[in-house]
Amino acid sequence: PGQELRLGDVVLRVVLPTPRCVIPGLSQAELPA
């Protein structure tokens, strides 16, 4: 958090780690639950 990432002309600033919900464990497209 706070780090800036420079990707060519694009600059991103990291804000927070991402809290996770149930979705990573669900079936998605070709991925099984």
PDB file of all heavy atoms in Angstrom:
ATOM      1  N   PRO A   1       0.830  -1.214   0.000  1.00  0.00           N
ATOM      2  CA  PRO A   1       0.000   0.000   0.000  1.00  0.00           C
ATOM      3  C   PRO A   1       0.858   1.256   0.000  1.00  0.00           C
ATOM      4  O   PRO A   1       1.860   1.345   0.712  1.00  0.00           O
ATOM      5  CB  PRO A   1      -0.807  -0.131   1.296  1.00  0.00           C
ATOM      6  CG  PRO A   1      -0.915  -1.612   1.505  1.00  0.00           C
ATOM      7  CD  PRO A   1       0.422  -2.172   1.055  1.00  0.00           C
ATOM      8  N   GLY A   2       0.491   2.220  -0.819  1.00  0.00           N
ATOM      9  CA  GLY A   2       1.256   3.450  -0.963  1.00  0.00           C
ATOM     10  C   GLY A   2       2.260   3.409  -2.106  1.00  0.00           C
ATOM     11  O   GLY A   2       2.721   4.460  -2.572  1.00  0.00           O
ATOM     12  N   GLN A   3       2.610   2.225  -2.586  1.00  0.00           N
ATOM     13  CA  GLN A   3       3.581   2.100  -3.664  1.00  0.00           C
ATOM     14  C   GLN A   3       2.959   2.528  -4.985  1.00  0.00           C
ATOM     15  O   GLN A   3       1.803   2.229  -5.268  1.00  0.00           O
ATOM     16  CB  GLN A   3       4.067   0.648  -3.766  1.00  0.00           C
ATOM     17  CG  GLN A   3       5.146   0.416  -4.806  1.00  0.00           C
ATOM     18  CD  GLN A   3       5.646  -1.020  -4.801  1.00  0.00           C
ATOM     19  OE1 GLN A   3       5.372  -1.777  -3.868  1.00  0.00           O
ATOM     20  NE2 GLN A   3       6.371  -1.402  -5.842  1.00  0.00           N
ATOM     21  N   GLU A   4       3.731   3.240  -5.803  1.00  0.00           N
ATOM     22  CA  GLU A   4       3.278   3.619  -7.133  1.00  0.00           C
ATOM     23  C   GLU A   4       3.903   2.696  -8.166  1.00  0.00           C
ATOM     24  O   GLU A   4       5.103   2.412  -8.124  1.00  0.00           O
ATOM     25  CB  GLU A   4       3.623   5.077  -7.439  1.00  0.00           C
ATOM     26  CG  GLU A   4       2.761   6.056  -6.664  1.00  0.00           C
ATOM     27  CD  GLU A   4       2.818   7.469  -7.218  1.00  0.00           C
ATOM     28  OE1 GLU A   4       3.649   7.730  -8.122  1.00  0.00           O
ATOM     29  OE2 GLU A   4       2.030   8.315  -6.763  1.00  0.00           O
ATOM     30  N   LEU A   5       3.067   2.226  -9.087  1.00  0.00           N
ATOM     31  CA  LEU A   5       3.498   1.363 -10.178  1.00  0.00           C
ATOM     32  C   LEU A   5       3.406   2.145 -11.469  1.00  0.00           C
ATOM     33  O   LEU A   5       2.348   2.678 -11.811  1.00  0.00           O
ATOM     34  CB  LEU A   5       2.610   0.124 -10.262  1.00  0.00           C
ATOM     35  CG  LEU A   5       2.443  -0.705  -8.977  1.00  0.00           C
ATOM     36  CD1 LEU A   5       1.490  -1.864  -9.235  1.00  0.00           C
ATOM     37  CD2 LEU A   5       3.778  -1.200  -8.460  1.00  0.00           C
ATOM     38  N   ARG A   6       4.518   2.210 -12.192  1.00  0.00           N
ATOM     39  CA  ARG A   6       4.556   2.919 -13.465  1.00  0.00           C
ATOM     40  C   ARG A   6       4.600   1.892 -14.592  1.00  0.00           C
ATOM     41  O   ARG A   6       5.536   1.107 -14.684  1.00  0.00           O
ATOM     42  CB  ARG A   6       5.759   3.860 -13.523  1.00  0.00           C
ATOM     43  CG  ARG A   6       5.689   4.933 -12.450  1.00  0.00           C
ATOM     44  CD  ARG A   6       6.847   5.907 -12.488  1.00  0.00           C
ATOM     45  NE  ARG A   6       6.671   6.931 -11.466  1.00  0.00           N
ATOM     46  CZ  ARG A   6       6.000   8.066 -11.655  1.00  0.00           C
ATOM     47  NH1 ARG A   6       5.494   8.326 -12.858  1.00  0.00           N
ATOM     48  NH2 ARG A   6       5.860   8.936 -10.688  1.00  0.00           N
ATOM     49  N   LEU A   7       3.566   1.927 -15.414  1.00  0.00           N
ATOM     50  CA  LEU A   7       3.413   0.985 -16.511  1.00  0.00           C
ATOM     51  C   LEU A   7       3.325   1.787 -17.803  1.00  0.00           C
ATOM     52  O   LEU A   7       2.234   2.118 -18.271  1.00  0.00           O
ATOM     53  CB  LEU A   7       2.154   0.127 -16.327  1.00  0.00           C
ATOM     54  CG  LEU A   7       2.000  -0.581 -14.977  1.00  0.00           C
ATOM     55  CD1 LEU A   7       1.141   0.278 -14.034  1.00  0.00           C
ATOM     56  CD2 LEU A   7       1.342  -1.942 -15.129  1.00  0.00           C
ATOM     57  N   GLY A   8       4.467   2.167 -18.349  1.00  0.00           N
ATOM     58  CA  GLY A   8       4.471   3.084 -19.483  1.00  0.00           C
ATOM     59  C   GLY A   8       3.920   4.424 -19.046  1.00  0.00           C
ATOM     60  O   GLY A   8       4.399   5.032 -18.090  1.00  0.00           O
ATOM     61  N   ASP A   9       2.883   4.907 -19.736  1.00  0.00           N
ATOM     62  CA  ASP A   9       2.269   6.186 -19.385  1.00  0.00           C
ATOM     63  C   ASP A   9       1.363   6.079 -18.166  1.00  0.00           C
ATOM     64  O   ASP A   9       1.030   7.099 -17.552  1.00  0.00           O
ATOM     65  CB  ASP A   9       1.439   6.716 -20.564  1.00  0.00           C
ATOM     66  CG  ASP A   9       2.293   7.078 -21.763  1.00  0.00           C
ATOM     67  OD1 ASP A   9       3.479   7.397 -21.564  1.00  0.00           O
ATOM     68  OD2 ASP A   9       1.769   7.029 -22.890  1.00  0.00           O
ATOM     69  N   VAL A  10       0.947   4.874 -17.828  1.00  0.00           N
ATOM     70  CA  VAL A  10      -0.014   4.665 -16.740  1.00  0.00           C
ATOM     71  C   VAL A  10       0.707   4.629 -15.398  1.00  0.00           C
ATOM     72  O   VAL A  10       1.743   3.988 -15.262  1.00  0.00           O
ATOM     73  CB  VAL A  10      -0.803   3.356 -16.956  1.00  0.00           C
ATOM     74  CG1 VAL A  10      -1.744   3.091 -15.786  1.00  0.00           C
ATOM     75  CG2 VAL A  10      -1.568   3.407 -18.267  1.00  0.00           C
ATOM     76  N   VAL A  11       0.128   5.319 -14.419  1.00  0.00           N
ATOM     77  CA  VAL A  11       0.647   5.261 -13.055  1.00  0.00           C
ATOM     78  C   VAL A  11      -0.489   4.847 -12.131  1.00  0.00           C
ATOM     79  O   VAL A  11      -1.570   5.449 -12.140  1.00  0.00           O
ATOM     80  CB  VAL A  11       1.231   6.619 -12.594  1.00  0.00           C
ATOM     81  CG1 VAL A  11       1.760   6.505 -11.161  1.00  0.00           C
ATOM     82  CG2 VAL A  11       2.338   7.075 -13.535  1.00  0.00           C
ATOM     83  N   LEU A  12      -0.247   3.794 -11.349  1.00  0.00           N
ATOM     84  CA  LEU A  12      -1.216   3.304 -10.374  1.00  0.00           C
ATOM     85  C   LEU A  12      -0.634   3.454  -8.980  1.00  0.00           C
ATOM     86  O   LEU A  12       0.569   3.281  -8.780  1.00  0.00           O
ATOM     87  CB  LEU A  12      -1.546   1.827 -10.627  1.00  0.00           C
ATOM     88  CG  LEU A  12      -2.039   1.442 -12.025  1.00  0.00           C
ATOM     89  CD1 LEU A  12      -2.235  -0.061 -12.108  1.00  0.00           C
ATOM     90  CD2 LEU A  12      -3.323   2.174 -12.371  1.00  0.00           C
ATOM     91  N   ARG A  13      -1.496   3.754  -8.009  1.00  0.00           N
ATOM     92  CA  ARG A  13      -1.068   3.798  -6.601  1.00  0.00           C
ATOM     93  C   ARG A  13      -1.824   2.726  -5.825  1.00  0.00           C
ATOM     94  O   ARG A  13      -3.048   2.703  -5.812  1.00  0.00           O
ATOM     95  CB  ARG A  13      -1.330   5.170  -5.976  1.00  0.00           C
ATOM     96  CG  ARG A  13      -0.872   5.236  -4.502  1.00  0.00           C
ATOM     97  CD  ARG A  13      -1.112   6.605  -3.901  1.00  0.00           C
ATOM     98  NE  ARG A  13      -0.306   7.630  -4.529  1.00  0.00           N
ATOM     99  CZ  ARG A  13      -0.792   8.692  -5.174  1.00  0.00           C
ATOM    100  NH1 ARG A  13      -2.115   8.857  -5.265  1.00  0.00           N
ATOM    101  NH2 ARG A  13      -0.002   9.578  -5.715  1.00  0.00           N
ATOM    102  N   VAL A  14      -1.069   1.840  -5.200  1.00  0.00           N
ATOM    103  CA  VAL A  14      -1.674   0.756  -4.438  1.00  0.00           C
ATOM    104  C   VAL A  14      -2.333   1.335  -3.194  1.00  0.00           C
ATOM    105  O   VAL A  14      -1.737   2.150  -2.480  1.00  0.00           O
ATOM    106  CB  VAL A  14      -0.615  -0.304  -4.065  1.00  0.00           C
ATOM    107  CG1 VAL A  14      -1.230  -1.410  -3.224  1.00  0.00           C
ATOM    108  CG2 VAL A  14       0.011  -0.880  -5.332  1.00  0.00           C
ATOM    109  N   VAL A  15      -3.575   0.904  -2.933  1.00  0.00           N
ATOM    110  CA  VAL A  15      -4.346   1.455  -1.829  1.00  0.00           C
ATOM    111  C   VAL A  15      -4.438   0.473  -0.664  1.00  0.00           C
ATOM    112  O   VAL A  15      -4.060   0.806   0.463  1.00  0.00           O
ATOM    113  CB  VAL A  15      -5.776   1.837  -2.291  1.00  0.00           C
ATOM    114  CG1 VAL A  15      -6.551   2.493  -1.151  1.00  0.00           C
ATOM    115  CG2 VAL A  15      -5.729   2.762  -3.492  1.00  0.00           C
ATOM    116  N   LEU A  16      -4.942  -0.716  -0.926  1.00  0.00           N
ATOM    117  CA  LEU A  16      -5.200  -1.693   0.134  1.00  0.00           C
ATOM    118  C   LEU A  16      -4.997  -3.103  -0.397  1.00  0.00           C
ATOM    119  O   LEU A  16      -5.172  -3.353  -1.595  1.00  0.00           O
ATOM    120  CB  LEU A  16      -6.660  -1.607   0.618  1.00  0.00           C
ATOM    121  CG  LEU A  16      -7.138  -0.396   1.403  1.00  0.00           C
ATOM    122  CD1 LEU A  16      -8.642  -0.529   1.638  1.00  0.00           C
ATOM    123  CD2 LEU A  16      -6.402  -0.274   2.727  1.00  0.00           C
ATOM    124  N   PRO A  17      -4.681  -4.064   0.486  1.00  0.00           N
ATOM    125  CA  PRO A  17      -4.834  -5.469   0.095  1.00  0.00           C
ATOM    126  C   PRO A  17      -6.320  -5.768  -0.106  1.00  0.00           C
ATOM    127  O   PRO A  17      -7.181  -5.074   0.453  1.00  0.00           O
ATOM    128  CB  PRO A  17      -4.256  -6.228   1.288  1.00  0.00           C
ATOM    129  CG  PRO A  17      -4.368  -5.294   2.444  1.00  0.00           C
ATOM    130  CD  PRO A  17      -4.222  -3.909   1.879  1.00  0.00           C
ATOM    131  N   THR A  18      -6.626  -6.764  -0.912  1.00  0.00           N
ATOM    132  CA  THR A  18      -8.007  -7.051  -1.299  1.00  0.00           C
ATOM    133  C   THR A  18      -8.646  -8.093  -0.382  1.00  0.00           C
ATOM    134  O   THR A  18      -8.283  -9.268  -0.441  1.00  0.00           O
ATOM    135  CB  THR A  18      -8.057  -7.573  -2.751  1.00  0.00           C
ATOM    136  OG1 THR A  18      -7.380  -6.650  -3.607  1.00  0.00           O
ATOM    137  CG2 THR A  18      -9.497  -7.742  -3.204  1.00  0.00           C
ATOM    138  N   PRO A  19      -9.607  -7.701   0.462  1.00  0.00           N
ATOM    139  CA  PRO A  19     -10.333  -8.691   1.271  1.00  0.00           C
ATOM    140  C   PRO A  19     -11.127  -9.610   0.352  1.00  0.00           C
ATOM    141  O   PRO A  19     -11.730  -9.161  -0.623  1.00  0.00           O
ATOM    142  CB  PRO A  19     -11.259  -7.842   2.139  1.00  0.00           C
ATOM    143  CG  PRO A  19     -10.645  -6.467   2.136  1.00  0.00           C
ATOM    144  CD  PRO A  19     -10.031  -6.323   0.776  1.00  0.00           C
ATOM    145  N   ARG A  20     -11.143 -10.903   0.674  1.00  0.00           N
ATOM    146  CA  ARG A  20     -11.773 -11.866  -0.211  1.00  0.00           C
ATOM    147  C   ARG A  20     -13.135 -12.313   0.302  1.00  0.00           C
ATOM    148  O   ARG A  20     -13.398 -12.304   1.512  1.00  0.00           O
ATOM    149  CB  ARG A  20     -10.900 -13.114  -0.390  1.00  0.00           C
ATOM    150  CG  ARG A  20      -9.491 -12.873  -0.874  1.00  0.00           C
ATOM    151  CD  ARG A  20      -9.266 -11.938  -2.016  1.00  0.00           C
ATOM    152  NE  ARG A  20     -10.146 -11.990  -3.149  1.00  0.00           N
ATOM    153  CZ  ARG A  20      -9.860 -11.434  -4.324  1.00  0.00           C
ATOM    154  NH1 ARG A  20      -8.710 -10.783  -4.489  1.00  0.00           N
ATOM    155  NH2 ARG A  20     -10.715 -11.490  -5.308  1.00  0.00           N
ATOM    156  N   CYS A  21     -13.997 -12.698  -0.654  1.00  0.00           N
ATOM    157  CA  CYS A  21     -15.349 -13.168  -0.366  1.00  0.00           C
ATOM    158  C   CYS A  21     -15.448 -14.631  -0.793  1.00  0.00           C
ATOM    159  O   CYS A  21     -14.442 -15.325  -0.932  1.00  0.00           O
ATOM    160  CB  CYS A  21     -16.362 -12.296  -1.095  1.00  0.00           C
ATOM    161  SG  CYS A  21     -16.142 -12.333  -2.898  1.00  0.00           S
ATOM    162  N   VAL A  22     -16.658 -15.111  -1.041  1.00  0.00           N
ATOM    163  CA  VAL A  22     -16.841 -16.517  -1.420  1.00  0.00           C
ATOM    164  C   VAL A  22     -16.446 -16.801  -2.869  1.00  0.00           C
ATOM    165  O   VAL A  22     -16.219 -17.960  -3.235  1.00  0.00           O
ATOM    166  CB  VAL A  22     -18.315 -16.963  -1.226  1.00  0.00           C
ATOM    167  CG1 VAL A  22     -18.714 -16.883   0.230  1.00  0.00           C
ATOM    168  CG2 VAL A  22     -19.263 -16.148  -2.101  1.00  0.00           C
ATOM    169  N   ILE A  23     -16.348 -15.788  -3.723  1.00  0.00           N
ATOM    170  CA  ILE A  23     -16.225 -16.008  -5.160  1.00  0.00           C
ATOM    171  C   ILE A  23     -15.013 -16.851  -5.565  1.00  0.00           C
ATOM    172  O   ILE A  23     -15.130 -17.708  -6.449  1.00  0.00           O
ATOM    173  CB  ILE A  23     -16.258 -14.666  -5.918  1.00  0.00           C
ATOM    174  CG1 ILE A  23     -17.665 -14.053  -5.819  1.00  0.00           C
ATOM    175  CG2 ILE A  23     -15.866 -14.842  -7.378  1.00  0.00           C
ATOM    176  CD1 ILE A  23     -17.818 -12.703  -6.490  1.00  0.00           C
ATOM    177  N   PRO A  24     -13.808 -16.681  -4.964  1.00  0.00           N
ATOM    178  CA  PRO A  24     -12.689 -17.511  -5.413  1.00  0.00           C
ATOM    179  C   PRO A  24     -12.926 -19.019  -5.282  1.00  0.00           C
ATOM    180  O   PRO A  24     -12.288 -19.803  -5.993  1.00  0.00           O
ATOM    181  CB  PRO A  24     -11.536 -17.058  -4.501  1.00  0.00           C
ATOM    182  CG  PRO A  24     -11.886 -15.655  -4.150  1.00  0.00           C
ATOM    183  CD  PRO A  24     -13.372 -15.645  -4.001  1.00  0.00           C
ATOM    184  N   GLY A  25     -13.833 -19.427  -4.409  1.00  0.00           N
ATOM    185  CA  GLY A  25     -14.110 -20.843  -4.246  1.00  0.00           C
ATOM    186  C   GLY A  25     -15.207 -21.379  -5.141  1.00  0.00           C
ATOM    187  O   GLY A  25     -15.455 -22.594  -5.172  1.00  0.00           O
ATOM    188  N   LEU A  26     -15.884 -20.502  -5.908  1.00  0.00           N
ATOM    189  CA  LEU A  26     -17.010 -20.918  -6.737  1.00  0.00           C
ATOM    190  C   LEU A  26     -16.555 -21.440  -8.097  1.00  0.00           C
ATOM    191  O   LEU A  26     -15.458 -21.143  -8.566  1.00  0.00           O
ATOM    192  CB  LEU A  26     -17.959 -19.730  -6.959  1.00  0.00           C
ATOM    193  CG  LEU A  26     -18.595 -19.087  -5.722  1.00  0.00           C
ATOM    194  CD1 LEU A  26     -19.483 -17.928  -6.152  1.00  0.00           C
ATOM    195  CD2 LEU A  26     -19.386 -20.110  -4.915  1.00  0.00           C
ATOM    196  N   SER A  27     -17.433 -22.202  -8.736  1.00  0.00           N
ATOM    197  CA  SER A  27     -17.219 -22.616 -10.115  1.00  0.00           C
ATOM    198  C   SER A  27     -17.313 -21.390 -11.017  1.00  0.00           C
ATOM    199  O   SER A  27     -18.261 -20.608 -10.914  1.00  0.00           O
ATOM    200  CB  SER A  27     -18.273 -23.647 -10.503  1.00  0.00           C
ATOM    201  OG  SER A  27     -18.205 -23.936 -11.877  1.00  0.00           O
ATOM    202  N   GLN A  28     -16.315 -21.221 -11.886  1.00  0.00           N
ATOM    203  CA  GLN A  28     -16.294 -20.069 -12.790  1.00  0.00           C
ATOM    204  C   GLN A  28     -15.798 -20.512 -14.157  1.00  0.00           C
ATOM    205  O   GLN A  28     -14.666 -20.966 -14.284  1.00  0.00           O
ATOM    206  CB  GLN A  28     -15.363 -18.974 -12.271  1.00  0.00           C
ATOM    207  CG  GLN A  28     -15.687 -18.458 -10.888  1.00  0.00           C
ATOM    208  CD  GLN A  28     -14.715 -17.380 -10.456  1.00  0.00           C
ATOM    209  OE1 GLN A  28     -14.369 -16.491 -11.223  1.00  0.00           O
ATOM    210  NE2 GLN A  28     -14.265 -17.451  -9.218  1.00  0.00           N
ATOM    211  N   ALA A  29     -16.641 -20.381 -15.169  1.00  0.00           N
ATOM    212  CA  ALA A  29     -16.278 -20.780 -16.534  1.00  0.00           C
ATOM    213  C   ALA A  29     -15.721 -22.199 -16.512  1.00  0.00           C
ATOM    214  O   ALA A  29     -16.406 -23.124 -16.107  1.00  0.00           O
ATOM    215  CB  ALA A  29     -15.286 -19.775 -17.114  1.00  0.00           C
ATOM    216  N   GLU A  30     -14.450 -22.352 -16.904  1.00  0.00           N
ATOM    217  CA  GLU A  30     -13.868 -23.698 -16.962  1.00  0.00           C
ATOM    218  C   GLU A  30     -13.313 -24.155 -15.615  1.00  0.00           C
ATOM    219  O   GLU A  30     -12.834 -25.287 -15.492  1.00  0.00           O
ATOM    220  CB  GLU A  30     -12.747 -23.728 -18.009  1.00  0.00           C
ATOM    221  CG  GLU A  30     -11.469 -23.012 -17.627  1.00  0.00           C
ATOM    222  CD  GLU A  30     -11.514 -21.507 -17.804  1.00  0.00           C
ATOM    223  OE1 GLU A  30     -12.580 -20.980 -18.178  1.00  0.00           O
ATOM    224  OE2 GLU A  30     -10.482 -20.853 -17.555  1.00  0.00           O
ATOM    225  N   LEU A  31     -13.372 -23.315 -14.589  1.00  0.00           N
ATOM    226  CA  LEU A  31     -12.819 -23.666 -13.285  1.00  0.00           C
ATOM    227  C   LEU A  31     -13.885 -24.318 -12.406  1.00  0.00           C
ATOM    228  O   LEU A  31     -14.955 -23.752 -12.213  1.00  0.00           O
ATOM    229  CB  LEU A  31     -12.283 -22.414 -12.581  1.00  0.00           C
ATOM    230  CG  LEU A  31     -11.161 -21.651 -13.293  1.00  0.00           C
ATOM    231  CD1 LEU A  31     -10.861 -20.367 -12.533  1.00  0.00           C
ATOM    232  CD2 LEU A  31      -9.916 -22.517 -13.403  1.00  0.00           C
ATOM    233  N   PRO A  32     -13.598 -25.486 -11.836  1.00  0.00           N
ATOM    234  CA  PRO A  32     -14.563 -26.108 -10.921  1.00  0.00           C
ATOM    235  C   PRO A  32     -14.555 -25.413  -9.568  1.00  0.00           C
ATOM    236  O   PRO A  32     -13.602 -24.684  -9.232  1.00  0.00           O
ATOM    237  CB  PRO A  32     -14.046 -27.541 -10.800  1.00  0.00           C
ATOM    238  CG  PRO A  32     -12.562 -27.410 -10.994  1.00  0.00           C
ATOM    239  CD  PRO A  32     -12.385 -26.302 -12.004  1.00  0.00           C
ATOM    240  N   ALA A  33     -15.593 -25.619  -8.789  1.00  0.00           N
ATOM    241  CA  ALA A  33     -15.612 -25.102  -7.425  1.00  0.00           C
ATOM    242  C   ALA A  33     -14.449 -25.700  -6.635  1.00  0.00           C
ATOM    243  O   ALA A  33     -14.088 -26.856  -6.822  1.00  0.00           O
ATOM    244  CB  ALA A  33     -16.940 -25.439  -6.757  1.00  0.00           C
TER     245      ALA A  33
END
